[in-house]
Protein backbone atom coordinates (compact mmCIF):
# COMPACT_ATOMS: atom_id res chain seq x y z
CA UNK A 1 -20.33 8.55 -2.67
CA UNK A 2 -17.73 10.56 -4.62
CA UNK A 3 -15.31 12.71 -2.62
CA UNK A 4 -14.86 16.23 -3.92
CA UNK A 5 -11.42 16.98 -2.45
CA UNK A 6 -8.47 15.21 -0.86
CA UNK A 7 -7.05 16.93 2.21
CA UNK A 8 -3.57 15.60 3.03
CA UNK A 9 -1.75 16.05 6.32
CA UNK A 10 2.01 16.33 6.83
CA UNK A 11 1.85 14.97 10.39
CA UNK A 12 -0.22 12.14 11.78
CA UNK A 13 -0.86 14.15 14.94
CA UNK A 14 -2.49 16.92 12.86
CA UNK A 15 -4.61 14.35 11.04
CA UNK A 16 -6.12 12.97 14.25
CA UNK A 17 -6.65 16.49 15.62
CA UNK A 18 -8.84 17.37 12.62
CA UNK A 19 -12.36 18.04 13.94
CA UNK A 20 -13.95 16.37 10.91
CA UNK A 21 -12.42 13.00 11.93
CA UNK A 22 -15.09 12.79 14.65
CA UNK A 23 -17.52 9.93 14.02
CA UNK A 24 -15.37 8.67 11.11
CA UNK A 25 -13.77 5.32 10.41
CA UNK A 26 -10.01 5.75 9.98
CA UNK A 27 -8.65 3.09 7.65
CA UNK A 28 -5.00 2.10 8.18
CA UNK A 29 -3.23 -0.04 5.59
CA UNK A 30 0.28 -0.78 4.39
CA UNK A 31 0.37 -0.15 0.64
CA UNK A 32 2.75 -0.30 -2.30
CA UNK A 33 2.08 2.54 -4.74
CA UNK A 34 3.92 1.51 -7.91
CA UNK A 35 4.53 3.75 -10.90
CA UNK A 36 6.37 3.28 -14.16
CA UNK A 37 9.81 4.83 -13.76
CA UNK A 38 10.73 5.33 -17.42
CA UNK A 39 8.89 5.31 -20.72
CA UNK A 40 12.16 4.33 -22.42
CA UNK A 41 12.73 1.28 -20.17
CA UNK A 42 9.63 -0.93 -20.09
CA UNK A 43 9.38 -2.92 -16.88
CA UNK A 44 11.25 -0.38 -14.72
CA UNK A 45 8.99 0.65 -11.84
CA UNK A 46 9.27 2.67 -8.68
CA UNK A 47 7.54 1.10 -5.68
CA UNK A 48 6.78 3.34 -2.71
CA UNK A 49 5.91 1.30 0.37
CA UNK A 50 4.31 2.93 3.38
CA UNK A 51 1.35 3.22 5.70
CA UNK A 52 -1.73 5.09 4.55
CA UNK A 53 -4.33 6.48 6.95
CA UNK A 54 -7.51 7.69 5.26
CA UNK A 55 -11.08 8.56 6.06
CA UNK A 56 -14.05 10.19 4.36
CA UNK A 57 -15.43 13.00 6.47
CA UNK A 58 -19.04 14.10 6.76
CA UNK A 59 -18.83 16.48 3.80
CA UNK A 60 -17.42 13.81 1.49
CA UNK A 61 -13.80 14.94 1.56
CA UNK A 62 -11.03 12.36 1.82
CA UNK A 63 -8.64 13.06 4.68
CA UNK A 64 -5.28 11.35 4.15
CA UNK A 65 -1.92 10.87 5.81
CA UNK A 66 0.88 8.83 4.21
CA UNK A 67 3.82 7.61 6.30
CA UNK A 68 6.51 6.43 3.88
CA UNK A 69 8.84 3.54 4.66
CA UNK A 70 10.93 3.05 1.50
CA UNK A 71 11.08 3.64 -2.23
CA UNK A 72 12.60 0.89 -4.35
CA UNK A 73 13.22 0.71 -8.10
CA UNK A 74 12.27 -2.67 -9.52
CA UNK A 75 12.86 -4.16 -12.94
CA UNK A 76 10.52 -6.81 -14.32
CA UNK A 77 9.84 -9.96 -12.30
CA UNK A 78 11.24 -11.23 -9.02
CA UNK A 79 14.60 -13.00 -9.20
CA UNK A 80 15.92 -15.32 -6.49
CA UNK A 81 18.61 -13.65 -4.36
CA UNK A 82 18.18 -10.22 -5.98
CA UNK A 83 19.17 -7.61 -3.33
CA UNK A 84 16.61 -5.14 -4.73
CA UNK A 85 13.78 -7.56 -4.03
CA UNK A 86 15.23 -8.29 -0.59
CA UNK A 87 15.10 -4.53 0.09
CA UNK A 88 11.49 -4.53 -1.15
CA UNK A 89 10.56 -7.41 1.19
CA UNK A 90 12.29 -5.68 4.13
CA UNK A 91 10.34 -2.49 3.37
CA UNK A 92 7.08 -4.47 3.57
CA UNK A 93 8.10 -5.91 6.95
CA UNK A 94 8.88 -2.40 8.22
CA UNK A 95 5.58 -1.10 6.83
CA UNK A 96 3.62 -3.83 8.60
CA UNK A 97 5.40 -3.02 11.89
CA UNK A 98 4.71 0.69 11.42
CA UNK A 99 1.06 -0.07 10.63
CA UNK A 100 0.72 -1.93 13.94
CA UNK A 101 2.26 1.03 15.85
CA UNK A 102 -0.03 3.48 14.05
CA UNK A 103 -3.09 1.37 14.86
CA UNK A 104 -2.07 1.17 18.54
CA UNK A 105 -1.58 4.96 18.66
CA UNK A 106 -4.91 5.65 16.93
CA UNK A 107 -6.76 3.26 19.24
CA UNK A 108 -5.30 5.14 22.23
CA UNK A 109 -6.74 8.46 21.06
CA UNK A 110 -9.87 7.14 19.31
CA UNK A 111 -12.24 7.54 22.26
CA UNK A 112 -11.08 11.07 23.02
CA UNK A 113 -11.21 12.16 19.36
CA UNK A 114 -14.40 10.28 18.51
CA UNK A 115 -13.36 8.02 15.63
CA UNK A 116 -13.09 4.29 14.94
CA UNK A 117 -9.96 2.53 13.67
CA UNK A 118 -10.12 -0.13 10.97
CA UNK A 119 -7.21 -2.11 9.49
CA UNK A 120 -9.08 -3.04 6.33
CA UNK A 121 -10.22 -1.31 3.20
CA UNK A 122 -8.54 1.35 1.09
CA UNK A 123 -10.17 4.65 0.23
CA UNK A 124 -9.19 5.42 -3.36
CA UNK A 125 -7.74 8.91 -3.83
CA UNK A 126 -7.88 8.65 -7.62
CA UNK A 127 -4.91 10.28 -9.35
CA UNK A 128 -3.90 12.27 -6.26
CA UNK A 129 -0.30 11.50 -5.29
CA UNK A 130 0.21 10.99 -1.55
CA UNK A 131 2.26 13.64 0.24
CA UNK A 132 4.95 12.31 2.56
CA UNK A 133 4.05 12.80 6.21
CA UNK A 134 5.77 12.25 9.54
CA UNK A 135 4.70 10.91 12.90
CA UNK A 136 6.67 12.74 15.56
CA UNK A 137 5.30 10.75 18.51
CA UNK A 138 6.11 7.31 17.03
CA UNK A 139 7.35 5.19 19.97
CA UNK A 140 10.01 3.66 17.70
CA UNK A 141 11.57 7.13 17.33
CA UNK A 142 11.92 7.68 21.07
CA UNK A 143 15.50 8.59 21.92
CA UNK A 144 16.44 9.47 18.33
CA UNK A 145 17.38 12.98 17.28
């Protein structure tokens, strides 16, 4: 099955309100999308760590929502005690915690909205770059302005 379009959402709440999510499997994963940062500096990469929520709807469109956690520039391999790699590891920990909160939220609304939540599998969006989204009702944001 080849999707014809990618529909991206700027808010997780809008994603789950999409009527075409009904009867779908929403896949939630923490991912690192890494790109080369400079053609002149081989080995310099930009790693964007975040939580991706994706599904394929009944008309073969990919619905996607990307909740970013951090972007880190990395150079070549991992070095012991390197603060950049420590920041990278911390971003992964935050992404895993966010993923668990997103899954809990989606499971709360899954019955009402008619979808299933799965924490495995990645739906490939091809060359489409993920748009940064927000999640206004994230319990971790309660009390923040």
